Every structure is written in C-alpha cells, then in structure tokens.
Amino acid sequence: MSRRTVVPVLLVLVVAAGIGLAVFQPWKAFTDTTVNEALPTVSAPAQRKDEAGTKGGAAPTGLAEGRFVSHEHDTSGTARTVRLADGGQVLRLEHLKTSEGPDVRVYLSTQEADAAKKGLGNGAVALGKLKGNLGNQNYTVPAGTDLSKFHSAVIWCERFSVSFGAADLAQVTG
C-alpha cells in the first residue's frame, strides 16, 4: 500500500474507533457505581414543618413493590413506590444490582415486567438517569402521577432501547 492510501485508511479507523468508544462505552462493563441513599422522610427540596414548627412527620407508607427480573443484563433487587408524609411519592430501588451502561435511565411503565423487555409502552414516566448500578436509591415521582396506572419499574438503556431489568409493582396490603 502506498502512503496516500495508508494515511486516509488510518484516519478513518481512528475516527471509527472514537465513535465506537463514545457510543458503546466498553469500560462500563468493568466498573461499578454504588449509591446508598436513605429513604427520605419528606419530599425534597423542602421539608414540611408540623404545627409545633419542627421539621419531621410520619413514616413513609409503602404503596407497591416487586422484585427485579433480568432482561438484557443480570438485574436483581427490589423496587418500591412510597408515599412520603408530605404527600410526595418516590420510587425506591433497594439492593439493586445491575450493569452499568451508557445512558441508563429509570422508568415507571404501564407494561408488566415481562412485556417491558420489548418496550416501555405508552405513557411511561421517566424518573431520571440511573444513579448507580449497585445499592439503594430514590427517584422522585412527578407530582400528580397516578401510580395505580403503572405496573412496573424498568431500568432502561436509552441508547440501545433495551431493558436491563424490570420489577412488577404489586400493591402492598395491610
């Protein structure tokens, strides 16, 4: 090969490698991010004051919960929806263990966990980027969201449109 051919080929390979690294982020297969947040007692950012003027309130109330099942990546742990004393709602992921990946997000889905493997379904609500692939974490549910319409919590990779795993949310009784 002549130099006129080698230089452009090398440039194309370098650009392709750069794009591949940016899109696939292969190093994430070898890294973990652990997050251990406490369950909030009231919604952020403001804490409510009771009639005596002190911050605090009743304990959070569990609404629904379920265990994660694996889809495209091994995923385990528990998802819980919780109503806080001030009326705010959070999705809490406990003992989560999944893979890191590019652009991984947390959703509430109208689909059941098995069906979420193929897609989030109409009306899914994005709760934010996955904070870490290990541990305990909280995601604020937007005000006015009717949690009874959602059947699962899903760990979803936006970049590749795949579910890492999902948990059916069954109503807590008693």
C-alpha atoms as a PDB file:
ATOM      1  CA  MET A   1       0.000   0.000   0.000  1.00  0.00           C
ATOM      2  CA  SER A   2       1.151   3.483  -0.705  1.00  0.00           C
ATOM      3  CA  ARG A   3       1.340   6.248   1.829  1.00  0.00           C
ATOM      4  CA  ARG A   4      -1.534   8.016   0.030  1.00  0.00           C
ATOM      5  CA  THR A   5      -3.749   5.039   0.843  1.00  0.00           C
ATOM      6  CA  VAL A   6      -2.484   4.218   4.338  1.00  0.00           C
ATOM      7  CA  VAL A   7      -2.955   7.693   5.886  1.00  0.00           C
ATOM      8  CA  PRO A   8      -6.654   8.070   4.930  1.00  0.00           C
ATOM      9  CA  VAL A   9      -7.387   4.479   5.987  1.00  0.00           C
ATOM     10  CA  LEU A  10      -5.732   5.086   9.370  1.00  0.00           C
ATOM     11  CA  LEU A  11      -7.699   8.333   9.806  1.00  0.00           C
ATOM     12  CA  VAL A  12     -10.968   6.529   9.082  1.00  0.00           C
ATOM     13  CA  LEU A  13     -10.059   3.774  11.564  1.00  0.00           C
ATOM     14  CA  VAL A  14      -9.180   6.299  14.289  1.00  0.00           C
ATOM     15  CA  VAL A  15     -12.455   8.195  13.775  1.00  0.00           C
ATOM     16  CA  ALA A  16     -14.449   4.935  13.731  1.00  0.00           C
ATOM     17  CA  ALA A  17     -12.734   3.765  16.933  1.00  0.00           C
ATOM     18  CA  GLY A  18     -13.505   7.098  18.620  1.00  0.00           C
ATOM     19  CA  ILE A  19     -17.159   6.907  17.647  1.00  0.00           C
ATOM     20  CA  GLY A  20     -17.345   3.272  18.768  1.00  0.00           C
ATOM     21  CA  LEU A  21     -15.860   4.119  22.158  1.00  0.00           C
ATOM     22  CA  ALA A  22     -18.231   7.055  22.624  1.00  0.00           C
ATOM     23  CA  VAL A  23     -21.321   5.030  21.701  1.00  0.00           C
ATOM     24  CA  PHE A  24     -20.595   1.707  23.389  1.00  0.00           C
ATOM     25  CA  GLN A  25     -18.524   2.903  26.378  1.00  0.00           C
ATOM     26  CA  PRO A  26     -16.993  -0.572  26.822  1.00  0.00           C
ATOM     27  CA  TRP A  27     -15.164   0.349  30.030  1.00  0.00           C
ATOM     28  CA  LYS A  28     -18.535   0.381  31.824  1.00  0.00           C
ATOM     29  CA  ALA A  29     -18.545  -3.418  31.624  1.00  0.00           C
ATOM     30  CA  PHE A  30     -15.716  -3.332  34.184  1.00  0.00           C
ATOM     31  CA  THR A  31     -16.880  -0.553  36.529  1.00  0.00           C
ATOM     32  CA  ASP A  32     -19.466  -0.229  39.299  1.00  0.00           C
ATOM     33  CA  THR A  33     -21.073   2.798  40.926  1.00  0.00           C
ATOM     34  CA  THR A  34     -22.570   2.221  44.378  1.00  0.00           C
ATOM     35  CA  VAL A  35     -25.237   4.594  45.731  1.00  0.00           C
ATOM     36  CA  ASN A  36     -26.683   4.215  49.233  1.00  0.00           C
ATOM     37  CA  GLU A  37     -29.349   6.833  49.843  1.00  0.00           C
ATOM     38  CA  ALA A  38     -31.601   6.750  52.883  1.00  0.00           C
ATOM     39  CA  LEU A  39     -35.347   6.710  52.315  1.00  0.00           C
ATOM     40  CA  PRO A  40     -36.443  10.344  52.591  1.00  0.00           C
ATOM     41  CA  THR A  41     -38.963  11.195  55.263  1.00  0.00           C
ATOM     42  CA  VAL A  42     -40.378  14.095  53.207  1.00  0.00           C
ATOM     43  CA  SER A  43     -40.066  15.150  49.581  1.00  0.00           C
ATOM     44  CA  ALA A  44     -37.093  17.200  48.532  1.00  0.00           C
ATOM     45  CA  PRO A  45     -36.309  20.046  48.341  1.00  0.00           C
ATOM     46  CA  ALA A  46     -38.362  21.484  51.201  1.00  0.00           C
ATOM     47  CA  GLN A  47     -39.174  19.695  54.422  1.00  0.00           C
ATOM     48  CA  ARG A  48     -42.595  20.347  55.897  1.00  0.00           C
ATOM     49  CA  LYS A  49     -42.908  21.815  59.398  1.00  0.00           C
ATOM     50  CA  ASP A  50     -45.575  20.474  61.714  1.00  0.00           C
ATOM     51  CA  GLU A  51     -47.867  22.706  63.789  1.00  0.00           C
ATOM     52  CA  ALA A  52     -45.249  22.999  66.543  1.00  0.00           C
ATOM     53  CA  GLY A  53     -42.785  24.370  63.980  1.00  0.00           C
ATOM     54  CA  THR A  54     -40.434  21.390  63.971  1.00  0.00           C
ATOM     55  CA  LYS A  55     -39.359  19.515  60.913  1.00  0.00           C
ATOM     56  CA  GLY A  56     -40.464  15.927  60.646  1.00  0.00           C
ATOM     57  CA  GLY A  57     -43.537  13.860  60.072  1.00  0.00           C
ATOM     58  CA  ALA A  58     -44.959  10.403  59.864  1.00  0.00           C
ATOM     59  CA  ALA A  59     -43.054   7.485  58.441  1.00  0.00           C
ATOM     60  CA  PRO A  60     -43.279   6.867  54.687  1.00  0.00           C
ATOM     61  CA  THR A  61     -46.010   4.478  53.517  1.00  0.00           C
ATOM     62  CA  GLY A  62     -45.257   1.662  51.088  1.00  0.00           C
ATOM     63  CA  LEU A  63     -47.707   1.566  48.172  1.00  0.00           C
ATOM     64  CA  ALA A  64     -46.423  -1.163  45.855  1.00  0.00           C
ATOM     65  CA  GLU A  65     -43.334  -3.310  45.480  1.00  0.00           C
ATOM     66  CA  GLY A  66     -41.750  -6.060  43.471  1.00  0.00           C
ATOM     67  CA  ARG A  67     -38.508  -7.894  42.726  1.00  0.00           C
ATOM     68  CA  PHE A  68     -36.453  -7.215  39.633  1.00  0.00           C
ATOM     69  CA  VAL A  69     -36.172  -9.816  36.897  1.00  0.00           C
ATOM     70  CA  SER A  70     -33.299  -9.788  34.420  1.00  0.00           C
ATOM     71  CA  HIS A  71     -33.765  -8.833  30.798  1.00  0.00           C
ATOM     72  CA  GLU A  72     -30.683  -7.889  28.733  1.00  0.00           C
ATOM     73  CA  HIS A  73     -28.403  -7.730  31.817  1.00  0.00           C
ATOM     74  CA  ASP A  74     -28.417  -9.581  35.128  1.00  0.00           C
ATOM     75  CA  THR A  75     -30.544  -7.400  37.391  1.00  0.00           C
ATOM     76  CA  SER A  76     -31.743  -8.037  40.942  1.00  0.00           C
ATOM     77  CA  GLY A  77     -33.129  -6.102  43.884  1.00  0.00           C
ATOM     78  CA  THR A  78     -36.456  -4.598  44.867  1.00  0.00           C
ATOM     79  CA  ALA A  79     -38.460  -1.640  43.561  1.00  0.00           C
ATOM     80  CA  ARG A  80     -40.913   0.082  45.906  1.00  0.00           C
ATOM     81  CA  THR A  81     -43.244   3.007  45.450  1.00  0.00           C
ATOM     82  CA  VAL A  82     -43.558   5.036  48.631  1.00  0.00           C
ATOM     83  CA  ARG A  83     -45.789   7.933  49.708  1.00  0.00           C
ATOM     84  CA  LEU A  84     -43.956  10.381  51.946  1.00  0.00           C
ATOM     85  CA  ALA A  85     -45.537  12.174  54.907  1.00  0.00           C
ATOM     86  CA  ASP A  86     -45.929  15.369  52.872  1.00  0.00           C
ATOM     87  CA  GLY A  87     -47.760  13.545  50.059  1.00  0.00           C
ATOM     88  CA  GLY A  88     -44.772  13.304  47.738  1.00  0.00           C
ATOM     89  CA  GLN A  89     -44.036   9.980  46.059  1.00  0.00           C
ATOM     90  CA  VAL A  90     -40.764   8.218  45.317  1.00  0.00           C
ATOM     91  CA  LEU A  91     -39.664   5.076  43.578  1.00  0.00           C
ATOM     92  CA  ARG A  92     -37.075   3.394  45.779  1.00  0.00           C
ATOM     93  CA  LEU A  93     -34.653   0.815  44.423  1.00  0.00           C
ATOM     94  CA  GLU A  94     -33.231  -1.382  47.177  1.00  0.00           C
ATOM     95  CA  HIS A  95     -30.297  -3.782  46.986  1.00  0.00           C
ATOM     96  CA  LEU A  96     -30.112  -3.026  43.266  1.00  0.00           C
ATOM     97  CA  LYS A  97     -27.520  -4.960  41.324  1.00  0.00           C
ATOM     98  CA  THR A  98     -27.295  -4.468  37.565  1.00  0.00           C
ATOM     99  CA  SER A  99     -24.763  -3.489  34.935  1.00  0.00           C
ATOM    100  CA  GLU A 100     -23.530  -0.028  34.159  1.00  0.00           C
ATOM    101  CA  GLY A 101     -24.159   1.165  30.663  1.00  0.00           C
ATOM    102  CA  PRO A 102     -24.411   4.237  28.503  1.00  0.00           C
ATOM    103  CA  ASP A 103     -27.470   6.412  29.132  1.00  0.00           C
ATOM    104  CA  VAL A 104     -29.290   4.072  31.540  1.00  0.00           C
ATOM    105  CA  ARG A 105     -32.499   5.504  32.995  1.00  0.00           C
ATOM    106  CA  VAL A 106     -35.257   4.588  35.431  1.00  0.00           C
ATOM    107  CA  TYR A 107     -38.887   4.468  34.277  1.00  0.00           C
ATOM    108  CA  LEU A 108     -42.329   3.662  35.555  1.00  0.00           C
ATOM    109  CA  SER A 109     -44.074   1.634  32.857  1.00  0.00           C
ATOM    110  CA  THR A 110     -47.671   0.775  32.111  1.00  0.00           C
ATOM    111  CA  GLN A 111     -46.363  -2.617  30.911  1.00  0.00           C
ATOM    112  CA  GLU A 112     -45.816  -5.589  33.203  1.00  0.00           C
ATOM    113  CA  ALA A 113     -42.171  -6.536  33.778  1.00  0.00           C
ATOM    114  CA  ASP A 114     -42.107  -9.360  31.205  1.00  0.00           C
ATOM    115  CA  ALA A 115     -43.629  -7.148  28.491  1.00  0.00           C
ATOM    116  CA  ALA A 116     -41.246  -4.269  29.324  1.00  0.00           C
ATOM    117  CA  LYS A 117     -38.470  -6.376  27.823  1.00  0.00           C
ATOM    118  CA  LYS A 118     -39.883  -5.377  24.413  1.00  0.00           C
ATOM    119  CA  GLY A 119     -40.615  -1.739  25.252  1.00  0.00           C
ATOM    120  CA  LEU A 120     -41.802   0.712  27.856  1.00  0.00           C
ATOM    121  CA  GLY A 121     -45.341   1.051  26.486  1.00  0.00           C
ATOM    122  CA  ASN A 122     -47.456   4.182  26.092  1.00  0.00           C
ATOM    123  CA  GLY A 123     -47.442   6.629  28.965  1.00  0.00           C
ATOM    124  CA  ALA A 124     -44.177   5.548  30.605  1.00  0.00           C
ATOM    125  CA  VAL A 125     -42.752   8.141  33.004  1.00  0.00           C
ATOM    126  CA  ALA A 126     -39.020   8.880  33.055  1.00  0.00           C
ATOM    127  CA  LEU A 127     -37.701   9.355  36.590  1.00  0.00           C
ATOM    128  CA  GLY A 128     -34.086  10.168  35.712  1.00  0.00           C
ATOM    129  CA  LYS A 129     -30.709   8.678  34.968  1.00  0.00           C
ATOM    130  CA  LEU A 130     -29.722   5.617  36.962  1.00  0.00           C
ATOM    131  CA  LYS A 131     -27.611   6.994  39.822  1.00  0.00           C
ATOM    132  CA  GLY A 132     -25.606   3.821  40.279  1.00  0.00           C
ATOM    133  CA  ASN A 133     -25.748   0.196  39.288  1.00  0.00           C
ATOM    134  CA  LEU A 134     -25.443  -1.013  42.897  1.00  0.00           C
ATOM    135  CA  GLY A 135     -27.150  -0.064  46.144  1.00  0.00           C
ATOM    136  CA  ASN A 136     -30.199   1.829  47.363  1.00  0.00           C
ATOM    137  CA  GLN A 137     -31.552   4.907  45.611  1.00  0.00           C
ATOM    138  CA  ASN A 138     -34.606   7.143  45.406  1.00  0.00           C
ATOM    139  CA  TYR A 139     -36.290   8.711  42.383  1.00  0.00           C
ATOM    140  CA  THR A 140     -38.887  11.426  42.807  1.00  0.00           C
ATOM    141  CA  VAL A 141     -42.173  10.659  41.068  1.00  0.00           C
ATOM    142  CA  PRO A 142     -43.571  13.779  39.371  1.00  0.00           C
ATOM    143  CA  ALA A 143     -46.405  15.448  41.286  1.00  0.00           C
ATOM    144  CA  GLY A 144     -49.840  14.399  40.069  1.00  0.00           C
ATOM    145  CA  THR A 145     -48.672  10.989  38.810  1.00  0.00           C
ATOM    146  CA  ASP A 146     -51.316   8.318  39.449  1.00  0.00           C
ATOM    147  CA  LEU A 147     -49.157   5.360  40.487  1.00  0.00           C
ATOM    148  CA  SER A 148     -52.070   2.935  40.116  1.00  0.00           C
ATOM    149  CA  LYS A 149     -51.660   3.218  36.310  1.00  0.00           C
ATOM    150  CA  PHE A 150     -48.120   1.839  36.371  1.00  0.00           C
ATOM    151  CA  HIS A 151     -47.337  -1.848  36.536  1.00  0.00           C
ATOM    152  CA  SER A 152     -43.549  -1.953  36.648  1.00  0.00           C
ATOM    153  CA  ALA A 153     -40.302  -0.140  37.328  1.00  0.00           C
ATOM    154  CA  VAL A 154     -37.803  -0.527  34.495  1.00  0.00           C
ATOM    155  CA  ILE A 155     -34.044   0.003  34.187  1.00  0.00           C
ATOM    156  CA  TRP A 156     -33.816   1.080  30.531  1.00  0.00           C
ATOM    157  CA  CYS A 157     -30.871   1.897  28.265  1.00  0.00           C
ATOM    158  CA  GLU A 158     -31.935   4.811  26.069  1.00  0.00           C
ATOM    159  CA  ARG A 159     -29.007   4.491  23.689  1.00  0.00           C
ATOM    160  CA  PHE A 160     -29.817   0.913  22.680  1.00  0.00           C
ATOM    161  CA  SER A 161     -33.550   0.823  23.552  1.00  0.00           C
ATOM    162  CA  VAL A 162     -33.233  -2.229  25.775  1.00  0.00           C
ATOM    163  CA  SER A 163     -34.423  -3.122  29.244  1.00  0.00           C
ATOM    164  CA  PHE A 164     -31.708  -4.202  31.657  1.00  0.00           C
ATOM    165  CA  GLY A 165     -34.413  -5.474  34.017  1.00  0.00           C
ATOM    166  CA  ALA A 166     -37.839  -4.690  35.431  1.00  0.00           C
ATOM    167  CA  ALA A 167     -39.906  -5.246  38.571  1.00  0.00           C
ATOM    168  CA  ASP A 168     -43.683  -5.769  38.675  1.00  0.00           C
ATOM    169  CA  LEU A 169     -45.219  -3.400  41.220  1.00  0.00           C
ATOM    170  CA  ALA A 170     -47.849  -5.224  43.278  1.00  0.00           C
ATOM    171  CA  GLN A 171     -49.987  -3.248  45.723  1.00  0.00           C
ATOM    172  CA  VAL A 172     -48.877  -3.517  49.338  1.00  0.00           C
ATOM    173  CA  THR A 173     -51.697  -4.766  51.564  1.00  0.00           C
ATOM    174  CA  GLY A 174     -52.270  -4.100  55.226  1.00  0.00           C
END
